[in-house]
Amino acid sequence: MRIFLILLFLATPVWGQSSISLMDTTQVERDVYFSNVYHDYFKQRDEYERQKFKRAQAQLDVQKARDESSAGVPTSHPLAGLPAVKNIQKRSPEATFVDLLAEKYDAQQEVVLWDGTRADLVGDDWVAEVDFEEKWAEAIGQSLYYAKATGKKPVVILLVKKSNSPSRFAYRAQTVCNAVKGLRLVIHKY
C-alpha cells in the first residue's frame, strides 16, 4: 500500500509543472528507487522485530524477578530479605529428580530459552530433557528442540523404575536415539 501511494504521488502532476512519471526515468534510476524503497521497508521490519523481541525478553525478566521475589512473604516481614523458597507441594515428582540430577551433573536447571520454553538441564555443551519412561517420545522431541534452540548436544534422561525386567519404553527410546545422530540417552533408575 505504501509503495502504491508513493507511485501515485509521483505520477500526480504538481500545479504549474508537467507530470513526472517513472516512465521518464531510466531503468537504472527505477531500480535504485525501488531498491531504496524495499531497503527501507525491510530495515523498518527488522527494527520492529528487534523491538518486539526486546519487549518479550523484558516481560520474561520481569516475570522471572516476580517469581523469584514472591515466596508468599510480605515485603515488610522480617524474613523478606531471605531468598525465596519454592513451594514443594506444587512441584511435580519430575522436578525433584531434576534437582538431584542438576547437582550430580553440575548443570543449570529450568533454563528459560528465548521463546519461553524451559530446558530441564543445561550443561556446558549439552542440554537435557528429564522425563519418566512413559513419556520417552516427548522427551526425545523436547531435547532435540532444545538442542536446536541452544546449539548444544541433545541428551534424554529417562527416569525408569527399578525392576528385574527391562523397560519397553527404554528400549523404544534407545532405538530412536541410536537412529538419530548425536542424540544421547541416559537411563536413571529410581
N, C-alpha and C. Protein backbone atom coordinates (compact mmCIF):
# COMPACT_ATOMS: atom_id res chain seq x y z
N MET A 1 0.83 -1.18 0.00
CA MET A 1 0.00 0.00 0.00
C MET A 1 0.88 1.25 0.00
N ARG A 2 1.95 1.21 0.77
CA ARG A 2 2.84 2.36 0.87
C ARG A 2 3.51 2.65 -0.48
N ILE A 3 3.94 1.60 -1.16
CA ILE A 3 4.59 1.76 -2.46
C ILE A 3 3.58 2.30 -3.47
N PHE A 4 2.36 1.80 -3.43
CA PHE A 4 1.32 2.27 -4.35
C PHE A 4 1.07 3.76 -4.16
N LEU A 5 1.01 4.23 -2.89
CA LEU A 5 0.79 5.64 -2.64
C LEU A 5 1.96 6.48 -3.12
N ILE A 6 3.16 5.97 -2.96
CA ILE A 6 4.33 6.69 -3.45
C ILE A 6 4.29 6.80 -4.97
N LEU A 7 3.95 5.70 -5.63
CA LEU A 7 3.85 5.72 -7.09
C LEU A 7 2.75 6.66 -7.55
N LEU A 8 1.63 6.65 -6.85
CA LEU A 8 0.53 7.54 -7.18
C LEU A 8 0.95 8.99 -7.01
N PHE A 9 1.68 9.31 -5.94
CA PHE A 9 2.16 10.66 -5.70
C PHE A 9 3.12 11.12 -6.80
N LEU A 10 4.00 10.20 -7.21
CA LEU A 10 4.96 10.55 -8.24
C LEU A 10 4.28 10.75 -9.60
N ALA A 11 3.21 10.05 -9.84
CA ALA A 11 2.53 10.16 -11.13
C ALA A 11 1.57 11.36 -11.17
N THR A 12 1.26 11.96 -10.03
CA THR A 12 0.32 13.07 -9.97
C THR A 12 1.05 14.38 -10.30
N PRO A 13 0.54 15.18 -11.24
CA PRO A 13 1.22 16.44 -11.58
C PRO A 13 1.06 17.47 -10.47
N VAL A 14 2.07 18.31 -10.32
CA VAL A 14 2.03 19.41 -9.36
C VAL A 14 1.55 20.64 -10.12
N TRP A 15 0.81 21.55 -9.47
CA TRP A 15 0.28 22.74 -10.14
C TRP A 15 1.41 23.52 -10.78
N GLY A 16 1.26 23.79 -12.04
CA GLY A 16 2.22 24.60 -12.75
C GLY A 16 3.40 23.81 -13.29
N GLN A 17 3.44 22.50 -13.08
CA GLN A 17 4.54 21.70 -13.58
C GLN A 17 3.97 20.56 -14.41
N SER A 18 4.82 20.03 -15.24
CA SER A 18 4.38 18.87 -16.01
C SER A 18 4.46 17.63 -15.12
N SER A 19 3.72 16.63 -15.48
CA SER A 19 3.72 15.42 -14.66
C SER A 19 5.04 14.68 -14.82
N ILE A 20 5.51 14.13 -13.71
CA ILE A 20 6.75 13.35 -13.70
C ILE A 20 6.33 11.91 -13.41
N SER A 21 6.73 11.04 -14.25
CA SER A 21 6.38 9.64 -14.02
C SER A 21 7.64 8.81 -14.03
N LEU A 22 7.50 7.57 -13.61
CA LEU A 22 8.64 6.66 -13.60
C LEU A 22 9.02 6.25 -15.01
N MET A 23 8.12 6.50 -15.96
CA MET A 23 8.44 6.14 -17.34
C MET A 23 9.51 7.07 -17.92
N ASP A 24 9.65 8.28 -17.35
CA ASP A 24 10.63 9.23 -17.84
C ASP A 24 12.04 8.91 -17.35
N THR A 25 12.16 8.05 -16.36
CA THR A 25 13.47 7.74 -15.80
C THR A 25 14.06 6.53 -16.48
N THR A 26 15.33 6.37 -16.34
CA THR A 26 16.00 5.20 -16.92
C THR A 26 15.75 3.98 -16.06
N GLN A 27 16.04 2.83 -16.60
CA GLN A 27 15.86 1.57 -15.87
C GLN A 27 16.72 1.55 -14.61
N VAL A 28 17.93 2.07 -14.70
CA VAL A 28 18.83 2.09 -13.54
C VAL A 28 18.26 2.95 -12.43
N GLU A 29 17.72 4.14 -12.80
CA GLU A 29 17.14 5.02 -11.79
C GLU A 29 15.94 4.35 -11.12
N ARG A 30 15.12 3.67 -11.92
CA ARG A 30 13.97 2.96 -11.35
C ARG A 30 14.43 1.86 -10.41
N ASP A 31 15.47 1.11 -10.81
CA ASP A 31 15.98 0.03 -9.96
C ASP A 31 16.52 0.58 -8.65
N VAL A 32 17.23 1.69 -8.71
CA VAL A 32 17.77 2.30 -7.50
C VAL A 32 16.64 2.78 -6.61
N TYR A 33 15.62 3.40 -7.20
CA TYR A 33 14.48 3.88 -6.43
C TYR A 33 13.79 2.73 -5.70
N PHE A 34 13.44 1.67 -6.43
CA PHE A 34 12.75 0.55 -5.81
C PHE A 34 13.64 -0.17 -4.81
N SER A 35 14.93 -0.22 -5.08
CA SER A 35 15.86 -0.83 -4.14
C SER A 35 15.85 -0.07 -2.82
N ASN A 36 15.84 1.27 -2.90
CA ASN A 36 15.80 2.08 -1.68
C ASN A 36 14.48 1.90 -0.93
N VAL A 37 13.38 1.83 -1.67
CA VAL A 37 12.07 1.63 -1.04
C VAL A 37 12.05 0.28 -0.31
N TYR A 38 12.49 -0.79 -0.97
CA TYR A 38 12.49 -2.11 -0.34
C TYR A 38 13.47 -2.15 0.82
N HIS A 39 14.62 -1.51 0.67
CA HIS A 39 15.61 -1.47 1.75
C HIS A 39 15.02 -0.83 2.99
N ASP A 40 14.33 0.31 2.80
CA ASP A 40 13.70 0.99 3.94
C ASP A 40 12.64 0.13 4.58
N TYR A 41 11.84 -0.55 3.76
CA TYR A 41 10.79 -1.40 4.29
C TYR A 41 11.38 -2.52 5.15
N PHE A 42 12.38 -3.23 4.62
CA PHE A 42 12.96 -4.34 5.36
C PHE A 42 13.73 -3.85 6.58
N LYS A 43 14.32 -2.70 6.51
CA LYS A 43 15.02 -2.13 7.65
C LYS A 43 14.02 -1.83 8.78
N GLN A 44 12.89 -1.24 8.42
CA GLN A 44 11.86 -0.95 9.41
C GLN A 44 11.28 -2.24 10.00
N ARG A 45 11.07 -3.24 9.14
CA ARG A 45 10.53 -4.51 9.62
C ARG A 45 11.51 -5.19 10.58
N ASP A 46 12.81 -5.19 10.24
CA ASP A 46 13.80 -5.80 11.13
C ASP A 46 13.88 -5.07 12.46
N GLU A 47 13.80 -3.76 12.43
CA GLU A 47 13.83 -2.97 13.67
C GLU A 47 12.60 -3.28 14.51
N TYR A 48 11.44 -3.42 13.86
CA TYR A 48 10.22 -3.79 14.58
C TYR A 48 10.37 -5.15 15.24
N GLU A 49 10.93 -6.13 14.53
CA GLU A 49 11.14 -7.46 15.09
C GLU A 49 12.11 -7.43 16.27
N ARG A 50 13.18 -6.61 16.16
CA ARG A 50 14.13 -6.49 17.27
C ARG A 50 13.45 -5.88 18.50
N GLN A 51 12.65 -4.86 18.29
CA GLN A 51 11.94 -4.23 19.41
C GLN A 51 10.94 -5.20 20.04
N LYS A 52 10.27 -5.98 19.20
CA LYS A 52 9.30 -6.96 19.68
C LYS A 52 10.01 -8.02 20.54
N PHE A 53 11.19 -8.47 20.10
CA PHE A 53 11.96 -9.45 20.86
C PHE A 53 12.42 -8.85 22.19
N LYS A 54 12.87 -7.57 22.17
CA LYS A 54 13.31 -6.92 23.40
C LYS A 54 12.16 -6.80 24.39
N ARG A 55 10.96 -6.46 23.91
CA ARG A 55 9.80 -6.37 24.80
C ARG A 55 9.47 -7.72 25.41
N ALA A 56 9.53 -8.78 24.60
CA ALA A 56 9.24 -10.12 25.11
C ALA A 56 10.29 -10.53 26.14
N GLN A 57 11.56 -10.22 25.87
CA GLN A 57 12.62 -10.56 26.82
C GLN A 57 12.44 -9.77 28.12
N ALA A 58 12.05 -8.51 28.02
CA ALA A 58 11.82 -7.70 29.22
C ALA A 58 10.66 -8.28 30.04
N GLN A 59 9.60 -8.74 29.37
CA GLN A 59 8.49 -9.36 30.08
C GLN A 59 8.93 -10.62 30.80
N LEU A 60 9.78 -11.42 30.14
CA LEU A 60 10.29 -12.63 30.79
C LEU A 60 11.15 -12.28 32.00
N ASP A 61 11.97 -11.25 31.88
CA ASP A 61 12.80 -10.82 33.00
C ASP A 61 11.96 -10.35 34.18
N VAL A 62 10.91 -9.58 33.88
CA VAL A 62 10.01 -9.11 34.94
C VAL A 62 9.32 -10.29 35.60
N GLN A 63 8.83 -11.24 34.79
CA GLN A 63 8.16 -12.41 35.34
C GLN A 63 9.12 -13.24 36.19
N LYS A 64 10.35 -13.40 35.73
CA LYS A 64 11.34 -14.16 36.49
C LYS A 64 11.64 -13.47 37.82
N ALA A 65 11.81 -12.15 37.79
CA ALA A 65 12.06 -11.41 39.03
C ALA A 65 10.87 -11.52 39.97
N ARG A 66 9.66 -11.45 39.42
CA ARG A 66 8.46 -11.58 40.23
C ARG A 66 8.38 -12.97 40.86
N ASP A 67 8.70 -14.01 40.09
CA ASP A 67 8.67 -15.38 40.62
C ASP A 67 9.71 -15.58 41.70
N GLU A 68 10.91 -15.01 41.50
CA GLU A 68 11.97 -15.17 42.48
C GLU A 68 11.69 -14.40 43.77
N SER A 69 11.05 -13.25 43.65
CA SER A 69 10.84 -12.41 44.82
C SER A 69 9.61 -12.81 45.62
N SER A 70 8.64 -13.43 44.96
CA SER A 70 7.40 -13.76 45.68
C SER A 70 7.48 -15.16 46.25
N ALA A 71 7.54 -15.23 47.56
CA ALA A 71 7.56 -16.52 48.25
C ALA A 71 6.40 -16.58 49.23
N GLY A 72 5.41 -15.73 49.04
CA GLY A 72 4.26 -15.72 49.94
C GLY A 72 4.54 -14.93 51.20
N VAL A 73 5.65 -14.17 51.26
CA VAL A 73 6.00 -13.41 52.45
C VAL A 73 5.88 -11.93 52.10
N PRO A 74 5.15 -11.16 52.88
CA PRO A 74 5.05 -9.73 52.61
C PRO A 74 6.42 -9.06 52.70
N THR A 75 6.61 -7.96 51.98
CA THR A 75 7.91 -7.29 51.97
C THR A 75 8.25 -6.67 53.32
N SER A 76 7.25 -6.38 54.16
CA SER A 76 7.53 -5.80 55.47
C SER A 76 7.88 -6.88 56.50
N HIS A 77 7.76 -8.12 56.14
CA HIS A 77 8.03 -9.22 57.05
C HIS A 77 9.54 -9.33 57.31
N PRO A 78 9.96 -9.74 58.54
CA PRO A 78 11.38 -9.85 58.84
C PRO A 78 12.12 -10.86 57.96
N LEU A 79 11.41 -11.82 57.39
CA LEU A 79 12.03 -12.83 56.54
C LEU A 79 12.05 -12.42 55.07
N ALA A 80 11.63 -11.20 54.78
CA ALA A 80 11.51 -10.76 53.39
C ALA A 80 12.85 -10.71 52.67
N GLY A 81 13.94 -10.48 53.35
CA GLY A 81 15.24 -10.39 52.71
C GLY A 81 15.85 -11.73 52.37
N LEU A 82 15.30 -12.81 52.90
CA LEU A 82 15.83 -14.14 52.63
C LEU A 82 15.46 -14.60 51.23
N PRO A 83 16.25 -15.51 50.63
CA PRO A 83 15.91 -15.99 49.29
C PRO A 83 14.57 -16.73 49.29
N ALA A 84 13.90 -16.66 48.16
CA ALA A 84 12.59 -17.29 48.03
C ALA A 84 12.71 -18.80 48.10
N VAL A 85 11.77 -19.44 48.77
CA VAL A 85 11.74 -20.89 48.89
C VAL A 85 10.61 -21.39 48.00
N LYS A 86 10.92 -22.36 47.16
CA LYS A 86 9.90 -22.91 46.27
C LYS A 86 8.92 -23.76 47.07
N ASN A 87 7.68 -23.69 46.68
CA ASN A 87 6.66 -24.49 47.34
C ASN A 87 6.75 -25.91 46.79
N ILE A 88 7.22 -26.83 47.60
CA ILE A 88 7.48 -28.19 47.15
C ILE A 88 6.17 -28.93 46.85
N GLN A 89 5.09 -28.58 47.50
CA GLN A 89 3.84 -29.28 47.27
C GLN A 89 3.32 -29.06 45.86
N LYS A 90 3.61 -27.94 45.24
CA LYS A 90 3.12 -27.66 43.90
C LYS A 90 4.03 -28.23 42.82
N ARG A 91 5.18 -28.74 43.18
CA ARG A 91 6.14 -29.24 42.20
C ARG A 91 5.79 -30.66 41.78
N SER A 92 6.17 -30.98 40.57
CA SER A 92 5.94 -32.32 40.06
C SER A 92 7.01 -33.26 40.60
N PRO A 93 6.76 -34.57 40.59
CA PRO A 93 7.79 -35.52 41.03
C PRO A 93 9.03 -35.43 40.15
N GLU A 94 8.84 -35.09 38.89
CA GLU A 94 9.97 -34.94 37.97
C GLU A 94 10.92 -33.84 38.44
N ALA A 95 10.38 -32.77 39.01
CA ALA A 95 11.21 -31.64 39.45
C ALA A 95 12.18 -32.05 40.55
N THR A 96 11.78 -32.98 41.39
CA THR A 96 12.68 -33.46 42.44
C THR A 96 13.88 -34.16 41.82
N PHE A 97 13.63 -34.97 40.79
CA PHE A 97 14.73 -35.64 40.11
C PHE A 97 15.61 -34.64 39.37
N VAL A 98 15.00 -33.61 38.82
CA VAL A 98 15.78 -32.58 38.12
C VAL A 98 16.74 -31.91 39.10
N ASP A 99 16.27 -31.63 40.32
CA ASP A 99 17.14 -31.03 41.34
C ASP A 99 18.33 -31.94 41.64
N LEU A 100 18.06 -33.23 41.83
CA LEU A 100 19.13 -34.18 42.15
C LEU A 100 20.11 -34.34 40.99
N LEU A 101 19.59 -34.43 39.78
CA LEU A 101 20.45 -34.60 38.61
C LEU A 101 21.25 -33.34 38.29
N ALA A 102 20.70 -32.18 38.61
CA ALA A 102 21.44 -30.93 38.38
C ALA A 102 22.70 -30.91 39.25
N GLU A 103 22.57 -31.37 40.49
CA GLU A 103 23.74 -31.44 41.36
C GLU A 103 24.72 -32.50 40.87
N LYS A 104 24.19 -33.65 40.46
CA LYS A 104 25.04 -34.75 40.01
C LYS A 104 25.86 -34.38 38.79
N TYR A 105 25.24 -33.72 37.80
CA TYR A 105 25.91 -33.40 36.55
C TYR A 105 26.44 -31.97 36.49
N ASP A 106 26.33 -31.23 37.61
CA ASP A 106 26.79 -29.85 37.69
C ASP A 106 26.21 -29.02 36.53
N ALA A 107 24.89 -28.98 36.49
CA ALA A 107 24.19 -28.31 35.38
C ALA A 107 23.21 -27.29 35.93
N GLN A 108 22.83 -26.36 35.06
CA GLN A 108 21.78 -25.40 35.40
C GLN A 108 20.43 -26.07 35.17
N GLN A 109 19.46 -25.72 35.97
CA GLN A 109 18.14 -26.34 35.79
C GLN A 109 17.08 -25.31 35.45
N GLU A 110 16.07 -25.78 34.74
CA GLU A 110 14.93 -24.95 34.33
C GLU A 110 15.39 -23.65 33.66
N VAL A 111 16.21 -23.77 32.63
CA VAL A 111 16.72 -22.61 31.91
C VAL A 111 15.67 -22.17 30.90
N VAL A 112 15.29 -20.90 30.95
CA VAL A 112 14.28 -20.36 30.04
C VAL A 112 14.97 -19.96 28.74
N LEU A 113 14.49 -20.51 27.63
CA LEU A 113 15.05 -20.20 26.32
C LEU A 113 14.39 -18.95 25.75
N TRP A 114 14.86 -18.48 24.61
CA TRP A 114 14.39 -17.23 24.02
C TRP A 114 12.89 -17.23 23.72
N ASP A 115 12.32 -18.41 23.49
CA ASP A 115 10.89 -18.46 23.15
C ASP A 115 10.00 -18.81 24.33
N GLY A 116 10.57 -18.83 25.54
CA GLY A 116 9.78 -19.10 26.74
C GLY A 116 9.74 -20.55 27.16
N THR A 117 10.28 -21.46 26.33
CA THR A 117 10.33 -22.86 26.75
C THR A 117 11.41 -23.04 27.80
N ARG A 118 11.28 -24.10 28.59
CA ARG A 118 12.22 -24.33 29.69
C ARG A 118 12.93 -25.66 29.50
N ALA A 119 14.25 -25.59 29.39
CA ALA A 119 15.06 -26.80 29.31
C ALA A 119 15.32 -27.28 30.74
N ASP A 120 15.12 -28.58 30.99
CA ASP A 120 15.29 -29.11 32.34
C ASP A 120 16.71 -28.95 32.85
N LEU A 121 17.69 -29.39 32.09
CA LEU A 121 19.10 -29.29 32.49
C LEU A 121 19.93 -28.76 31.33
N VAL A 122 20.87 -27.86 31.64
CA VAL A 122 21.77 -27.33 30.63
C VAL A 122 23.19 -27.39 31.17
N GLY A 123 24.04 -28.11 30.46
CA GLY A 123 25.45 -28.20 30.83
C GLY A 123 26.29 -27.30 29.94
N ASP A 124 27.61 -27.48 30.00
CA ASP A 124 28.50 -26.64 29.20
C ASP A 124 28.27 -26.81 27.70
N ASP A 125 28.13 -28.06 27.25
CA ASP A 125 27.96 -28.31 25.81
C ASP A 125 26.78 -29.23 25.52
N TRP A 126 25.88 -29.40 26.46
CA TRP A 126 24.72 -30.27 26.26
C TRP A 126 23.49 -29.67 26.93
N VAL A 127 22.33 -30.12 26.45
CA VAL A 127 21.05 -29.72 27.03
C VAL A 127 20.19 -30.98 27.14
N ALA A 128 19.50 -31.16 28.27
CA ALA A 128 18.78 -32.41 28.52
C ALA A 128 17.34 -32.17 28.92
N GLU A 129 16.51 -33.13 28.55
CA GLU A 129 15.13 -33.19 28.99
C GLU A 129 15.02 -34.41 29.90
N VAL A 130 14.46 -34.21 31.09
CA VAL A 130 14.28 -35.29 32.06
C VAL A 130 12.80 -35.63 32.08
N ASP A 131 12.49 -36.92 31.87
CA ASP A 131 11.10 -37.35 31.88
C ASP A 131 11.00 -38.80 32.34
N PHE A 132 9.82 -39.17 32.79
CA PHE A 132 9.57 -40.56 33.15
C PHE A 132 9.48 -41.40 31.89
N GLU A 133 9.71 -42.69 32.06
CA GLU A 133 9.85 -43.58 30.92
C GLU A 133 8.63 -43.61 30.00
N GLU A 134 7.45 -43.41 30.55
CA GLU A 134 6.24 -43.45 29.73
C GLU A 134 6.19 -42.29 28.72
N LYS A 135 6.91 -41.21 29.02
CA LYS A 135 6.91 -40.04 28.14
C LYS A 135 8.22 -39.95 27.36
N TRP A 136 8.73 -41.09 26.92
CA TRP A 136 10.02 -41.15 26.23
C TRP A 136 10.01 -40.38 24.91
N ALA A 137 8.92 -40.50 24.16
CA ALA A 137 8.85 -39.83 22.85
C ALA A 137 8.82 -38.31 23.02
N GLU A 138 8.07 -37.84 23.99
CA GLU A 138 8.00 -36.40 24.27
C GLU A 138 9.38 -35.88 24.69
N ALA A 139 10.08 -36.66 25.50
CA ALA A 139 11.41 -36.26 25.96
C ALA A 139 12.39 -36.14 24.79
N ILE A 140 12.30 -37.06 23.85
CA ILE A 140 13.19 -37.02 22.68
C ILE A 140 12.91 -35.77 21.85
N GLY A 141 11.65 -35.50 21.60
CA GLY A 141 11.29 -34.31 20.81
C GLY A 141 11.73 -33.02 21.49
N GLN A 142 11.50 -32.94 22.80
CA GLN A 142 11.89 -31.72 23.51
C GLN A 142 13.40 -31.54 23.52
N SER A 143 14.14 -32.61 23.76
CA SER A 143 15.60 -32.47 23.81
C SER A 143 16.16 -32.07 22.45
N LEU A 144 15.59 -32.59 21.37
CA LEU A 144 16.05 -32.19 20.04
C LEU A 144 15.74 -30.72 19.77
N TYR A 145 14.58 -30.26 20.22
CA TYR A 145 14.24 -28.85 20.04
C TYR A 145 15.17 -27.96 20.85
N TYR A 146 15.40 -28.33 22.12
CA TYR A 146 16.28 -27.53 22.97
C TYR A 146 17.69 -27.47 22.38
N ALA A 147 18.14 -28.59 21.81
CA ALA A 147 19.48 -28.62 21.20
C ALA A 147 19.53 -27.67 20.01
N LYS A 148 18.49 -27.67 19.21
CA LYS A 148 18.45 -26.78 18.04
C LYS A 148 18.40 -25.32 18.48
N ALA A 149 17.65 -25.03 19.54
CA ALA A 149 17.49 -23.66 20.01
C ALA A 149 18.76 -23.13 20.69
N THR A 150 19.53 -24.02 21.33
CA THR A 150 20.72 -23.58 22.07
C THR A 150 22.02 -23.84 21.34
N GLY A 151 22.02 -24.72 20.34
CA GLY A 151 23.24 -25.08 19.65
C GLY A 151 24.10 -26.06 20.43
N LYS A 152 23.48 -26.75 21.37
CA LYS A 152 24.21 -27.73 22.19
C LYS A 152 23.76 -29.14 21.84
N LYS A 153 24.47 -30.13 22.39
CA LYS A 153 24.16 -31.53 22.09
C LYS A 153 22.92 -31.99 22.87
N PRO A 154 22.01 -32.74 22.22
CA PRO A 154 20.80 -33.19 22.91
C PRO A 154 21.05 -34.43 23.77
N VAL A 155 20.43 -34.45 24.94
CA VAL A 155 20.51 -35.59 25.86
C VAL A 155 19.11 -35.84 26.39
N VAL A 156 18.73 -37.12 26.46
CA VAL A 156 17.46 -37.52 27.05
C VAL A 156 17.78 -38.31 28.31
N ILE A 157 17.24 -37.88 29.45
CA ILE A 157 17.41 -38.61 30.70
C ILE A 157 16.06 -39.22 31.05
N LEU A 158 15.99 -40.54 30.96
CA LEU A 158 14.74 -41.24 31.28
C LEU A 158 14.79 -41.73 32.71
N LEU A 159 13.71 -41.50 33.42
CA LEU A 159 13.56 -41.98 34.79
C LEU A 159 12.82 -43.31 34.74
N VAL A 160 13.53 -44.39 35.04
CA VAL A 160 12.99 -45.75 34.91
C VAL A 160 12.91 -46.39 36.28
N LYS A 161 11.79 -47.04 36.57
CA LYS A 161 11.63 -47.74 37.84
C LYS A 161 12.55 -48.95 37.89
N LYS A 162 13.10 -49.21 39.10
CA LYS A 162 13.96 -50.37 39.27
C LYS A 162 13.08 -51.62 39.21
N SER A 163 13.46 -52.54 38.36
CA SER A 163 12.74 -53.81 38.27
C SER A 163 13.65 -54.82 37.60
N ASN A 164 13.24 -56.08 37.63
CA ASN A 164 14.04 -57.14 37.02
C ASN A 164 13.90 -57.17 35.51
N SER A 165 12.74 -56.79 35.00
CA SER A 165 12.51 -56.85 33.56
C SER A 165 12.91 -55.52 32.90
N PRO A 166 13.47 -55.59 31.70
CA PRO A 166 13.82 -54.35 31.00
C PRO A 166 12.55 -53.59 30.58
N SER A 167 12.65 -52.29 30.56
CA SER A 167 11.51 -51.45 30.23
C SER A 167 11.33 -51.38 28.71
N ARG A 168 10.10 -51.56 28.25
CA ARG A 168 9.84 -51.45 26.81
C ARG A 168 9.99 -50.00 26.36
N PHE A 169 9.73 -49.05 27.27
CA PHE A 169 9.88 -47.64 26.93
C PHE A 169 11.35 -47.28 26.74
N ALA A 170 12.20 -47.79 27.61
CA ALA A 170 13.63 -47.53 27.49
C ALA A 170 14.16 -48.14 26.19
N TYR A 171 13.64 -49.32 25.83
CA TYR A 171 14.06 -49.96 24.58
C TYR A 171 13.66 -49.10 23.39
N ARG A 172 12.46 -48.59 23.39
CA ARG A 172 11.99 -47.72 22.29
C ARG A 172 12.85 -46.45 22.20
N ALA A 173 13.10 -45.85 23.35
CA ALA A 173 13.91 -44.63 23.37
C ALA A 173 15.32 -44.90 22.86
N GLN A 174 15.90 -46.05 23.27
CA GLN A 174 17.25 -46.39 22.82
C GLN A 174 17.28 -46.63 21.31
N THR A 175 16.24 -47.25 20.77
CA THR A 175 16.16 -47.49 19.34
C THR A 175 16.17 -46.17 18.56
N VAL A 176 15.38 -45.20 19.02
CA VAL A 176 15.32 -43.91 18.34
C VAL A 176 16.65 -43.15 18.52
N CYS A 177 17.21 -43.19 19.72
CA CYS A 177 18.47 -42.47 19.97
C CYS A 177 19.61 -43.04 19.13
N ASN A 178 19.60 -44.34 18.90
CA ASN A 178 20.61 -44.94 18.03
C ASN A 178 20.44 -44.50 16.58
N ALA A 179 19.20 -44.22 16.18
CA ALA A 179 18.92 -43.82 14.80
C ALA A 179 19.22 -42.34 14.55
N VAL A 180 19.15 -41.52 15.59
CA VAL A 180 19.39 -40.08 15.44
C VAL A 180 20.82 -39.77 15.85
N LYS A 181 21.58 -39.24 14.92
CA LYS A 181 22.99 -38.96 15.18
C LYS A 181 23.12 -37.84 16.22
N GLY A 182 23.95 -38.10 17.23
CA GLY A 182 24.24 -37.09 18.24
C GLY A 182 23.30 -37.09 19.43
N LEU A 183 22.21 -37.85 19.37
CA LEU A 183 21.26 -37.89 20.47
C LEU A 183 21.69 -38.94 21.48
N ARG A 184 21.86 -38.54 22.72
CA ARG A 184 22.36 -39.44 23.76
C ARG A 184 21.25 -39.74 24.75
N LEU A 185 21.20 -41.00 25.17
CA LEU A 185 20.20 -41.45 26.14
C LEU A 185 20.89 -41.83 27.44
N VAL A 186 20.40 -41.30 28.56
CA VAL A 186 20.88 -41.66 29.89
C VAL A 186 19.69 -42.20 30.65
N ILE A 187 19.84 -43.41 31.20
CA ILE A 187 18.76 -44.02 31.97
C ILE A 187 19.10 -43.91 33.44
N HIS A 188 18.20 -43.28 34.19
CA HIS A 188 18.38 -43.10 35.63
C HIS A 188 17.31 -43.94 36.33
N LYS A 189 17.76 -44.96 37.06
CA LYS A 189 16.80 -45.82 37.77
C LYS A 189 16.51 -45.27 39.15
N TYR A 190 15.26 -45.36 39.52
CA TYR A 190 14.86 -44.90 40.86
C TYR A 190 14.04 -45.96 41.57
